[in-house]
Amino acid sequence: METKTANIKREATATSLILNLDTPLEIILTEDNPNSVKAIFNNLIKELKKGLLKFELEDEKKDDMYFHICDEYIKQLNSEMETVYNELVDYELLDTNEE
């Protein structure tokens, strides 16, 4: 299992959770955009076809609200990704050509 990092990007206008892959994925926490989240999950499924991965949150501010929200989000995401990966294995949908 490969471990990737995730970071919180705090700006005056928005706060985002960044999932650090080859192309970083940004989940904007301060807006309601289900289509954006759906697109991110589609990208994560493509990554899972290459192999199981998980995210670890790296953040300096461990005492603010966004840290706790993102920490829980990452825990849930990792659990869901493991479930999806196991289904990909069961249905033989892994991309075995990637190395």
PDB file of N, CA and C in Angstrom:
ATOM      1  N   MET A   1       0.846  -1.173   0.000  1.00  0.00           N
ATOM      2  CA  MET A   1       0.000   0.000   0.000  1.00  0.00           C
ATOM      3  C   MET A   1       0.894   1.240   0.000  1.00  0.00           C
ATOM      4  N   GLU A   2       0.567   2.148  -0.884  1.00  0.00           N
ATOM      5  CA  GLU A   2       1.321   3.393  -0.980  1.00  0.00           C
ATOM      6  C   GLU A   2       0.647   4.464  -0.124  1.00  0.00           C
ATOM      7  N   THR A   3       1.451   5.256   0.569  1.00  0.00           N
ATOM      8  CA  THR A   3       0.924   6.343   1.389  1.00  0.00           C
ATOM      9  C   THR A   3       1.239   7.673   0.722  1.00  0.00           C
ATOM     10  N   LYS A   4       0.206   8.465   0.521  1.00  0.00           N
ATOM     11  CA  LYS A   4       0.329   9.808  -0.050  1.00  0.00           C
ATOM     12  C   LYS A   4       0.001  10.818   1.045  1.00  0.00           C
ATOM     13  N   THR A   5       0.427  12.045   0.842  1.00  0.00           N
ATOM     14  CA  THR A   5       0.142  13.082   1.827  1.00  0.00           C
ATOM     15  C   THR A   5      -1.064  13.906   1.407  1.00  0.00           C
ATOM     16  N   ALA A   6      -1.650  14.543   2.395  1.00  0.00           N
ATOM     17  CA  ALA A   6      -2.727  15.503   2.180  1.00  0.00           C
ATOM     18  C   ALA A   6      -2.401  16.721   3.033  1.00  0.00           C
ATOM     19  N   ASN A   7      -2.743  17.889   2.523  1.00  0.00           N
ATOM     20  CA  ASN A   7      -2.472  19.134   3.231  1.00  0.00           C
ATOM     21  C   ASN A   7      -3.709  20.015   3.207  1.00  0.00           C
ATOM     22  N   ILE A   8      -3.763  20.933   4.148  1.00  0.00           N
ATOM     23  CA  ILE A   8      -4.836  21.914   4.188  1.00  0.00           C
ATOM     24  C   ILE A   8      -4.288  23.228   3.650  1.00  0.00           C
ATOM     25  N   LYS A   9      -4.996  23.790   2.677  1.00  0.00           N
ATOM     26  CA  LYS A   9      -4.622  25.094   2.125  1.00  0.00           C
ATOM     27  C   LYS A   9      -5.621  26.112   2.657  1.00  0.00           C
ATOM     28  N   ARG A  10      -5.142  27.005   3.507  1.00  0.00           N
ATOM     29  CA  ARG A  10      -5.991  28.025   4.117  1.00  0.00           C
ATOM     30  C   ARG A  10      -5.734  29.362   3.426  1.00  0.00           C
ATOM     31  N   GLU A  11      -6.788  29.938   2.861  1.00  0.00           N
ATOM     32  CA  GLU A  11      -6.702  31.248   2.234  1.00  0.00           C
ATOM     33  C   GLU A  11      -7.840  32.107   2.760  1.00  0.00           C
ATOM     34  N   ALA A  12      -7.777  33.390   2.476  1.00  0.00           N
ATOM     35  CA  ALA A  12      -8.808  34.309   2.968  1.00  0.00           C
ATOM     36  C   ALA A  12     -10.180  33.987   2.383  1.00  0.00           C
ATOM     37  N   THR A  13     -10.211  33.526   1.135  1.00  0.00           N
ATOM     38  CA  THR A  13     -11.492  33.297   0.467  1.00  0.00           C
ATOM     39  C   THR A  13     -11.983  31.854   0.531  1.00  0.00           C
ATOM     40  N   ALA A  14     -11.083  30.907   0.778  1.00  0.00           N
ATOM     41  CA  ALA A  14     -11.485  29.495   0.778  1.00  0.00           C
ATOM     42  C   ALA A  14     -10.457  28.657   1.525  1.00  0.00           C
ATOM     43  N   THR A  15     -10.925  27.521   2.018  1.00  0.00           N
ATOM     44  CA  THR A  15     -10.037  26.534   2.636  1.00  0.00           C
ATOM     45  C   THR A  15     -10.244  25.219   1.903  1.00  0.00           C
ATOM     46  N   SER A  16      -9.129  24.565   1.562  1.00  0.00           N
ATOM     47  CA  SER A  16      -9.193  23.349   0.750  1.00  0.00           C
ATOM     48  C   SER A  16      -8.361  22.242   1.368  1.00  0.00           C
ATOM     49  N   LEU A  17      -8.769  21.022   1.072  1.00  0.00           N
ATOM     50  CA  LEU A  17      -7.982  19.838   1.388  1.00  0.00           C
ATOM     51  C   LEU A  17      -7.321  19.404   0.086  1.00  0.00           C
ATOM     52  N   ILE A  18      -5.999  19.331   0.085  1.00  0.00           N
ATOM     53  CA  ILE A  18      -5.239  18.958  -1.101  1.00  0.00           C
ATOM     54  C   ILE A  18      -4.760  17.518  -0.944  1.00  0.00           C
ATOM     55  N   LEU A  19      -5.154  16.668  -1.886  1.00  0.00           N
ATOM     56  CA  LEU A  19      -4.700  15.281  -1.918  1.00  0.00           C
ATOM     57  C   LEU A  19      -3.541  15.221  -2.899  1.00  0.00           C
ATOM     58  N   ASN A  20      -2.357  14.949  -2.386  1.00  0.00           N
ATOM     59  CA  ASN A  20      -1.137  15.032  -3.187  1.00  0.00           C
ATOM     60  C   ASN A  20      -0.879  13.744  -3.966  1.00  0.00           C
ATOM     61  N   LEU A  21      -1.306  13.767  -5.213  1.00  0.00           N
ATOM     62  CA  LEU A  21      -1.023  12.706  -6.176  1.00  0.00           C
ATOM     63  C   LEU A  21      -0.118  13.311  -7.245  1.00  0.00           C
ATOM     64  N   ASP A  22       0.148  12.587  -8.332  1.00  0.00           N
ATOM     65  CA  ASP A  22       0.945  13.170  -9.418  1.00  0.00           C
ATOM     66  C   ASP A  22       0.337  14.494  -9.865  1.00  0.00           C
ATOM     67  N   THR A  23      -0.984  14.513  -9.987  1.00  0.00           N
ATOM     68  CA  THR A  23      -1.736  15.750 -10.200  1.00  0.00           C
ATOM     69  C   THR A  23      -2.559  15.966  -8.939  1.00  0.00           C
ATOM     70  N   PRO A  24      -2.232  16.985  -8.132  1.00  0.00           N
ATOM     71  CA  PRO A  24      -2.948  17.190  -6.870  1.00  0.00           C
ATOM     72  C   PRO A  24      -4.451  17.394  -7.085  1.00  0.00           C
ATOM     73  N   LEU A  25      -5.231  16.840  -6.170  1.00  0.00           N
ATOM     74  CA  LEU A  25      -6.681  16.992  -6.193  1.00  0.00           C
ATOM     75  C   LEU A  25      -7.076  17.928  -5.063  1.00  0.00           C
ATOM     76  N   GLU A  26      -7.934  18.893  -5.366  1.00  0.00           N
ATOM     77  CA  GLU A  26      -8.313  19.906  -4.382  1.00  0.00           C
ATOM     78  C   GLU A  26      -9.797  19.802  -4.069  1.00  0.00           C
ATOM     79  N   ILE A  27     -10.105  19.577  -2.793  1.00  0.00           N
ATOM     80  CA  ILE A  27     -11.482  19.570  -2.312  1.00  0.00           C
ATOM     81  C   ILE A  27     -11.678  20.867  -1.547  1.00  0.00           C
ATOM     82  N   ILE A  28     -12.496  21.759  -2.090  1.00  0.00           N
ATOM     83  CA  ILE A  28     -12.737  23.044  -1.433  1.00  0.00           C
ATOM     84  C   ILE A  28     -13.764  22.812  -0.332  1.00  0.00           C
ATOM     85  N   LEU A  29     -13.331  23.042   0.898  1.00  0.00           N
ATOM     86  CA  LEU A  29     -14.166  22.740   2.063  1.00  0.00           C
ATOM     87  C   LEU A  29     -15.200  23.816   2.342  1.00  0.00           C
ATOM     88  N   THR A  30     -14.981  25.008   1.821  1.00  0.00           N
ATOM     89  CA  THR A  30     -15.842  26.144   2.144  1.00  0.00           C
ATOM     90  C   THR A  30     -16.895  26.412   1.077  1.00  0.00           C
ATOM     91  N   GLU A  31     -17.109  25.470   0.171  1.00  0.00           N
ATOM     92  CA  GLU A  31     -18.196  25.610  -0.796  1.00  0.00           C
ATOM     93  C   GLU A  31     -18.864  24.261  -1.004  1.00  0.00           C
ATOM     94  N   ASP A  32     -20.111  24.314  -1.442  1.00  0.00           N
ATOM     95  CA  ASP A  32     -20.895  23.103  -1.671  1.00  0.00           C
ATOM     96  C   ASP A  32     -20.937  22.833  -3.171  1.00  0.00           C
ATOM     97  N   ASN A  33     -20.101  21.904  -3.624  1.00  0.00           N
ATOM     98  CA  ASN A  33     -20.036  21.588  -5.046  1.00  0.00           C
ATOM     99  C   ASN A  33     -19.916  20.073  -5.216  1.00  0.00           C
ATOM    100  N   PRO A  34     -21.055  19.372  -5.191  1.00  0.00           N
ATOM    101  CA  PRO A  34     -21.008  17.911  -5.271  1.00  0.00           C
ATOM    102  C   PRO A  34     -20.403  17.388  -6.574  1.00  0.00           C
ATOM    103  N   ASN A  35     -20.538  18.125  -7.671  1.00  0.00           N
ATOM    104  CA  ASN A  35     -19.955  17.664  -8.937  1.00  0.00           C
ATOM    105  C   ASN A  35     -18.436  17.662  -8.879  1.00  0.00           C
ATOM    106  N   SER A  36     -17.867  18.634  -8.195  1.00  0.00           N
ATOM    107  CA  SER A  36     -16.409  18.685  -8.031  1.00  0.00           C
ATOM    108  C   SER A  36     -15.928  17.497  -7.200  1.00  0.00           C
ATOM    109  N   VAL A  37     -16.628  17.205  -6.125  1.00  0.00           N
ATOM    110  CA  VAL A  37     -16.263  16.074  -5.264  1.00  0.00           C
ATOM    111  C   VAL A  37     -16.407  14.760  -6.038  1.00  0.00           C
ATOM    112  N   LYS A  38     -17.450  14.654  -6.840  1.00  0.00           N
ATOM    113  CA  LYS A  38     -17.662  13.455  -7.659  1.00  0.00           C
ATOM    114  C   LYS A  38     -16.502  13.262  -8.642  1.00  0.00           C
ATOM    115  N   ALA A  39     -16.043  14.343  -9.255  1.00  0.00           N
ATOM    116  CA  ALA A  39     -14.918  14.264 -10.195  1.00  0.00           C
ATOM    117  C   ALA A  39     -13.645  13.815  -9.478  1.00  0.00           C
ATOM    118  N   ILE A  40     -13.446  14.294  -8.260  1.00  0.00           N
ATOM    119  CA  ILE A  40     -12.272  13.895  -7.477  1.00  0.00           C
ATOM    120  C   ILE A  40     -12.331  12.403  -7.162  1.00  0.00           C
ATOM    121  N   PHE A  41     -13.504  11.912  -6.775  1.00  0.00           N
ATOM    122  CA  PHE A  41     -13.638  10.486  -6.487  1.00  0.00           C
ATOM    123  C   PHE A  41     -13.407   9.639  -7.737  1.00  0.00           C
ATOM    124  N   ASN A  42     -13.832  10.125  -8.892  1.00  0.00           N
ATOM    125  CA  ASN A  42     -13.554   9.403 -10.139  1.00  0.00           C
ATOM    126  C   ASN A  42     -12.055   9.308 -10.379  1.00  0.00           C
ATOM    127  N   ASN A  43     -11.335  10.391 -10.113  1.00  0.00           N
ATOM    128  CA  ASN A  43      -9.874  10.370 -10.253  1.00  0.00           C
ATOM    129  C   ASN A  43      -9.232   9.412  -9.253  1.00  0.00           C
ATOM    130  N   LEU A  44      -9.767   9.372  -8.042  1.00  0.00           N
ATOM    131  CA  LEU A  44      -9.229   8.455  -7.036  1.00  0.00           C
ATOM    132  C   LEU A  44      -9.451   6.997  -7.440  1.00  0.00           C
ATOM    133  N   ILE A  45     -10.585   6.707  -8.053  1.00  0.00           N
ATOM    134  CA  ILE A  45     -10.840   5.338  -8.513  1.00  0.00           C
ATOM    135  C   ILE A  45      -9.829   4.948  -9.584  1.00  0.00           C
ATOM    136  N   LYS A  46      -9.504   5.879 -10.475  1.00  0.00           N
ATOM    137  CA  LYS A  46      -8.475   5.601 -11.495  1.00  0.00           C
ATOM    138  C   LYS A  46      -7.137   5.286 -10.827  1.00  0.00           C
ATOM    139  N   GLU A  47      -6.805   6.022  -9.772  1.00  0.00           N
ATOM    140  CA  GLU A  47      -5.557   5.762  -9.044  1.00  0.00           C
ATOM    141  C   GLU A  47      -5.599   4.406  -8.349  1.00  0.00           C
ATOM    142  N   LEU A  48      -6.764   4.053  -7.798  1.00  0.00           N
ATOM    143  CA  LEU A  48      -6.899   2.772  -7.101  1.00  0.00           C
ATOM    144  C   LEU A  48      -6.738   1.590  -8.048  1.00  0.00           C
ATOM    145  N   LYS A  49      -7.058   1.784  -9.315  1.00  0.00           N
ATOM    146  CA  LYS A  49      -6.883   0.699 -10.281  1.00  0.00           C
ATOM    147  C   LYS A  49      -5.410   0.338 -10.441  1.00  0.00           C
ATOM    148  N   LYS A  50      -4.522   1.264 -10.084  1.00  0.00           N
ATOM    149  CA  LYS A  50      -3.072   1.026 -10.162  1.00  0.00           C
ATOM    150  C   LYS A  50      -2.545   0.350  -8.900  1.00  0.00           C
ATOM    151  N   GLY A  51      -3.293   0.467  -7.787  1.00  0.00           N
ATOM    152  CA  GLY A  51      -2.870  -0.136  -6.532  1.00  0.00           C
ATOM    153  C   GLY A  51      -3.474   0.594  -5.348  1.00  0.00           C
ATOM    154  N   LEU A  52      -3.524  -0.089  -4.221  1.00  0.00           N
ATOM    155  CA  LEU A  52      -4.108   0.476  -3.013  1.00  0.00           C
ATOM    156  C   LEU A  52      -3.249   1.616  -2.494  1.00  0.00           C
ATOM    157  N   LEU A  53      -3.909   2.687  -2.086  1.00  0.00           N
ATOM    158  CA  LEU A  53      -3.203   3.812  -1.498  1.00  0.00           C
ATOM    159  C   LEU A  53      -4.019   4.381  -0.358  1.00  0.00           C
ATOM    160  N   LYS A  54      -3.342   5.143   0.475  1.00  0.00           N
ATOM    161  CA  LYS A  54      -4.024   5.838   1.561  1.00  0.00           C
ATOM    162  C   LYS A  54      -3.386   7.210   1.698  1.00  0.00           C
ATOM    163  N   PHE A  55      -4.090   8.089   2.403  1.00  0.00           N
ATOM    164  CA  PHE A  55      -3.600   9.443   2.632  1.00  0.00           C
ATOM    165  C   PHE A  55      -3.319   9.652   4.110  1.00  0.00           C
ATOM    166  N   GLU A  56      -2.284  10.447   4.382  1.00  0.00           N
ATOM    167  CA  GLU A  56      -1.984  10.910   5.739  1.00  0.00           C
ATOM    168  C   GLU A  56      -1.988  12.426   5.715  1.00  0.00           C
ATOM    169  N   LEU A  57      -2.672  13.007   6.683  1.00  0.00           N
ATOM    170  CA  LEU A  57      -2.768  14.460   6.768  1.00  0.00           C
ATOM    171  C   LEU A  57      -1.511  15.028   7.399  1.00  0.00           C
ATOM    172  N   GLU A  58      -0.892  15.969   6.701  1.00  0.00           N
ATOM    173  CA  GLU A  58       0.265  16.689   7.223  1.00  0.00           C
ATOM    174  C   GLU A  58      -0.142  18.149   7.363  1.00  0.00           C
ATOM    175  N   ASP A  59      -0.163  18.634   8.592  1.00  0.00           N
ATOM    176  CA  ASP A  59      -0.582  20.013   8.818  1.00  0.00           C
ATOM    177  C   ASP A  59       0.030  20.512  10.114  1.00  0.00           C
ATOM    178  N   GLU A  60       0.444  21.764  10.115  1.00  0.00           N
ATOM    179  CA  GLU A  60       1.075  22.362  11.294  1.00  0.00           C
ATOM    180  C   GLU A  60       0.060  22.751  12.370  1.00  0.00           C
ATOM    181  N   LYS A  61      -1.113  23.187  11.945  1.00  0.00           N
ATOM    182  CA  LYS A  61      -2.122  23.682  12.888  1.00  0.00           C
ATOM    183  C   LYS A  61      -3.035  22.537  13.313  1.00  0.00           C
ATOM    184  N   LYS A  62      -2.649  21.838  14.355  1.00  0.00           N
ATOM    185  CA  LYS A  62      -3.413  20.667  14.791  1.00  0.00           C
ATOM    186  C   LYS A  62      -4.543  21.007  15.764  1.00  0.00           C
ATOM    187  N   ASP A  63      -4.757  22.297  15.994  1.00  0.00           N
ATOM    188  CA  ASP A  63      -5.763  22.668  16.983  1.00  0.00           C
ATOM    189  C   ASP A  63      -6.929  23.455  16.393  1.00  0.00           C
ATOM    190  N   ASP A  64      -6.964  23.653  15.080  1.00  0.00           N
ATOM    191  CA  ASP A  64      -8.085  24.412  14.535  1.00  0.00           C
ATOM    192  C   ASP A  64      -9.162  23.479  13.976  1.00  0.00           C
ATOM    193  N   MET A  65     -10.300  24.051  13.680  1.00  0.00           N
ATOM    194  CA  MET A  65     -11.459  23.296  13.222  1.00  0.00           C
ATOM    195  C   MET A  65     -11.164  22.545  11.923  1.00  0.00           C
ATOM    196  N   TYR A  66     -10.479  23.180  10.984  1.00  0.00           N
ATOM    197  CA  TYR A  66     -10.219  22.537   9.695  1.00  0.00           C
ATOM    198  C   TYR A  66      -9.331  21.309   9.828  1.00  0.00           C
ATOM    199  N   PHE A  67      -8.392  21.332  10.754  1.00  0.00           N
ATOM    200  CA  PHE A  67      -7.561  20.144  10.963  1.00  0.00           C
ATOM    201  C   PHE A  67      -8.435  18.964  11.381  1.00  0.00           C
ATOM    202  N   HIS A  68      -9.325  19.188  12.339  1.00  0.00           N
ATOM    203  CA  HIS A  68     -10.171  18.095  12.838  1.00  0.00           C
ATOM    204  C   HIS A  68     -11.139  17.597  11.761  1.00  0.00           C
ATOM    205  N   ILE A  69     -11.675  18.523  10.970  1.00  0.00           N
ATOM    206  CA  ILE A  69     -12.568  18.136   9.873  1.00  0.00           C
ATOM    207  C   ILE A  69     -11.810  17.293   8.851  1.00  0.00           C
ATOM    208  N   CYS A  70     -10.640  17.759   8.460  1.00  0.00           N
ATOM    209  CA  CYS A  70      -9.852  17.053   7.439  1.00  0.00           C
ATOM    210  C   CYS A  70      -9.318  15.725   7.952  1.00  0.00           C
ATOM    211  N   ASP A  71      -8.954  15.679   9.211  1.00  0.00           N
ATOM    212  CA  ASP A  71      -8.470  14.429   9.794  1.00  0.00           C
ATOM    213  C   ASP A  71      -9.557  13.358   9.716  1.00  0.00           C
ATOM    214  N   GLU A  72     -10.768  13.717  10.084  1.00  0.00           N
ATOM    215  CA  GLU A  72     -11.883  12.769  10.014  1.00  0.00           C
ATOM    216  C   GLU A  72     -12.214  12.430   8.562  1.00  0.00           C
ATOM    217  N   TYR A  73     -12.161  13.419   7.692  1.00  0.00           N
ATOM    218  CA  TYR A  73     -12.421  13.209   6.264  1.00  0.00           C
ATOM    219  C   TYR A  73     -11.439  12.186   5.691  1.00  0.00           C
ATOM    220  N   ILE A  74     -10.156  12.331   6.026  1.00  0.00           N
ATOM    221  CA  ILE A  74      -9.119  11.419   5.533  1.00  0.00           C
ATOM    222  C   ILE A  74      -9.356  10.002   6.058  1.00  0.00           C
ATOM    223  N   LYS A  75      -9.736   9.883   7.325  1.00  0.00           N
ATOM    224  CA  LYS A  75     -10.020   8.552   7.877  1.00  0.00           C
ATOM    225  C   LYS A  75     -11.148   7.868   7.102  1.00  0.00           C
ATOM    226  N   GLN A  76     -12.225   8.615   6.849  1.00  0.00           N
ATOM    227  CA  GLN A  76     -13.355   8.057   6.102  1.00  0.00           C
ATOM    228  C   GLN A  76     -12.960   7.738   4.662  1.00  0.00           C
ATOM    229  N   LEU A  77     -12.206   8.647   4.051  1.00  0.00           N
ATOM    230  CA  LEU A  77     -11.762   8.445   2.674  1.00  0.00           C
ATOM    231  C   LEU A  77     -10.906   7.187   2.557  1.00  0.00           C
ATOM    232  N   ASN A  78      -9.968   7.009   3.469  1.00  0.00           N
ATOM    233  CA  ASN A  78      -9.106   5.820   3.439  1.00  0.00           C
ATOM    234  C   ASN A  78      -9.928   4.540   3.566  1.00  0.00           C
ATOM    235  N   SER A  79     -10.915   4.557   4.434  1.00  0.00           N
ATOM    236  CA  SER A  79     -11.773   3.389   4.614  1.00  0.00           C
ATOM    237  C   SER A  79     -12.557   3.088   3.335  1.00  0.00           C
ATOM    238  N   GLU A  80     -13.125   4.126   2.734  1.00  0.00           N
ATOM    239  CA  GLU A  80     -13.893   3.944   1.503  1.00  0.00           C
ATOM    240  C   GLU A  80     -12.998   3.484   0.356  1.00  0.00           C
ATOM    241  N   MET A  81     -11.791   4.028   0.272  1.00  0.00           N
ATOM    242  CA  MET A  81     -10.882   3.626  -0.804  1.00  0.00           C
ATOM    243  C   MET A  81     -10.485   2.160  -0.668  1.00  0.00           C
ATOM    244  N   GLU A  82     -10.309   1.692   0.549  1.00  0.00           N
ATOM    245  CA  GLU A  82      -9.977   0.279   0.747  1.00  0.00           C
ATOM    246  C   GLU A  82     -11.133  -0.612   0.294  1.00  0.00           C
ATOM    247  N   THR A  83     -12.354  -0.198   0.610  1.00  0.00           N
ATOM    248  CA  THR A  83     -13.529  -0.952   0.182  1.00  0.00           C
ATOM    249  C   THR A  83     -13.628  -0.992  -1.339  1.00  0.00           C
ATOM    250  N   VAL A  84     -13.445   0.165  -1.974  1.00  0.00           N
ATOM    251  CA  VAL A  84     -13.509   0.228  -3.436  1.00  0.00           C
ATOM    252  C   VAL A  84     -12.393  -0.608  -4.055  1.00  0.00           C
ATOM    253  N   TYR A  85     -11.198  -0.530  -3.491  1.00  0.00           N
ATOM    254  CA  TYR A  85     -10.075  -1.319  -4.013  1.00  0.00           C
ATOM    255  C   TYR A  85     -10.398  -2.815  -3.962  1.00  0.00           C
ATOM    256  N   ASN A  86     -10.949  -3.262  -2.845  1.00  0.00           N
ATOM    257  CA  ASN A  86     -11.300  -4.683  -2.716  1.00  0.00           C
ATOM    258  C   ASN A  86     -12.346  -5.097  -3.749  1.00  0.00           C
ATOM    259  N   GLU A  87     -13.278  -4.194  -4.059  1.00  0.00           N
ATOM    260  CA  GLU A  87     -14.264  -4.484  -5.100  1.00  0.00           C
ATOM    261  C   GLU A  87     -13.600  -4.539  -6.474  1.00  0.00           C
ATOM    262  N   LEU A  88     -12.637  -3.658  -6.717  1.00  0.00           N
ATOM    263  CA  LEU A  88     -11.897  -3.698  -7.984  1.00  0.00           C
ATOM    264  C   LEU A  88     -11.157  -5.029  -8.129  1.00  0.00           C
ATOM    265  N   VAL A  89     -10.597  -5.513  -7.031  1.00  0.00           N
ATOM    266  CA  VAL A  89      -9.918  -6.815  -7.043  1.00  0.00           C
ATOM    267  C   VAL A  89     -10.930  -7.919  -7.340  1.00  0.00           C
ATOM    268  N   ASP A  90     -12.059  -7.893  -6.620  1.00  0.00           N
ATOM    269  CA  ASP A  90     -13.083  -8.929  -6.789  1.00  0.00           C
ATOM    270  C   ASP A  90     -13.587  -9.014  -8.229  1.00  0.00           C
ATOM    271  N   TYR A  91     -13.742  -7.861  -8.873  1.00  0.00           N
ATOM    272  CA  TYR A  91     -14.271  -7.827 -10.240  1.00  0.00           C
ATOM    273  C   TYR A  91     -13.168  -7.786 -11.301  1.00  0.00           C
ATOM    274  N   GLU A  92     -11.929  -8.005 -10.856  1.00  0.00           N
ATOM    275  CA  GLU A  92     -10.767  -8.049 -11.749  1.00  0.00           C
ATOM    276  C   GLU A  92     -10.667  -6.798 -12.619  1.00  0.00           C
ATOM    277  N   LEU A  93     -10.794  -5.636 -11.982  1.00  0.00           N
ATOM    278  CA  LEU A  93     -10.756  -4.362 -12.691  1.00  0.00           C
ATOM    279  C   LEU A  93      -9.468  -3.581 -12.453  1.00  0.00           C
ATOM    280  N   LEU A  94      -8.474  -4.222 -11.857  1.00  0.00           N
ATOM    281  CA  LEU A  94      -7.203  -3.533 -11.627  1.00  0.00           C
ATOM    282  C   LEU A  94      -6.451  -3.379 -12.940  1.00  0.00           C
ATOM    283  N   ASP A  95      -5.689  -2.309 -13.033  1.00  0.00           N
ATOM    284  CA  ASP A  95      -4.863  -2.054 -14.216  1.00  0.00           C
ATOM    285  C   ASP A  95      -3.523  -2.740 -13.997  1.00  0.00           C
ATOM    286  N   THR A  96      -3.398  -3.958 -14.482  1.00  0.00           N
ATOM    287  CA  THR A  96      -2.183  -4.743 -14.242  1.00  0.00           C
ATOM    288  C   THR A  96      -1.043  -4.355 -15.167  1.00  0.00           C
ATOM    289  N   ASN A  97      -1.291  -3.482 -16.146  1.00  0.00           N
ATOM    290  CA  ASN A  97      -0.237  -3.046 -17.067  1.00  0.00           C
ATOM    291  C   ASN A  97       0.613  -1.930 -16.487  1.00  0.00           C
ATOM    292  N   GLU A  98       0.137  -1.249 -15.447  1.00  0.00           N
ATOM    293  CA  GLU A  98       0.880  -0.141 -14.830  1.00  0.00           C
ATOM    294  C   GLU A  98       1.980  -0.685 -13.944  1.00  0.00           C
ATOM    295  N   GLU A  99       3.131  -0.094 -14.011  1.00  0.00           N
ATOM    296  CA  GLU A  99       4.243  -0.492 -13.133  1.00  0.00           C
ATOM    297  C   GLU A  99       4.915   0.744 -12.643  1.00  0.00           C
TER     298      GLU A  99
END
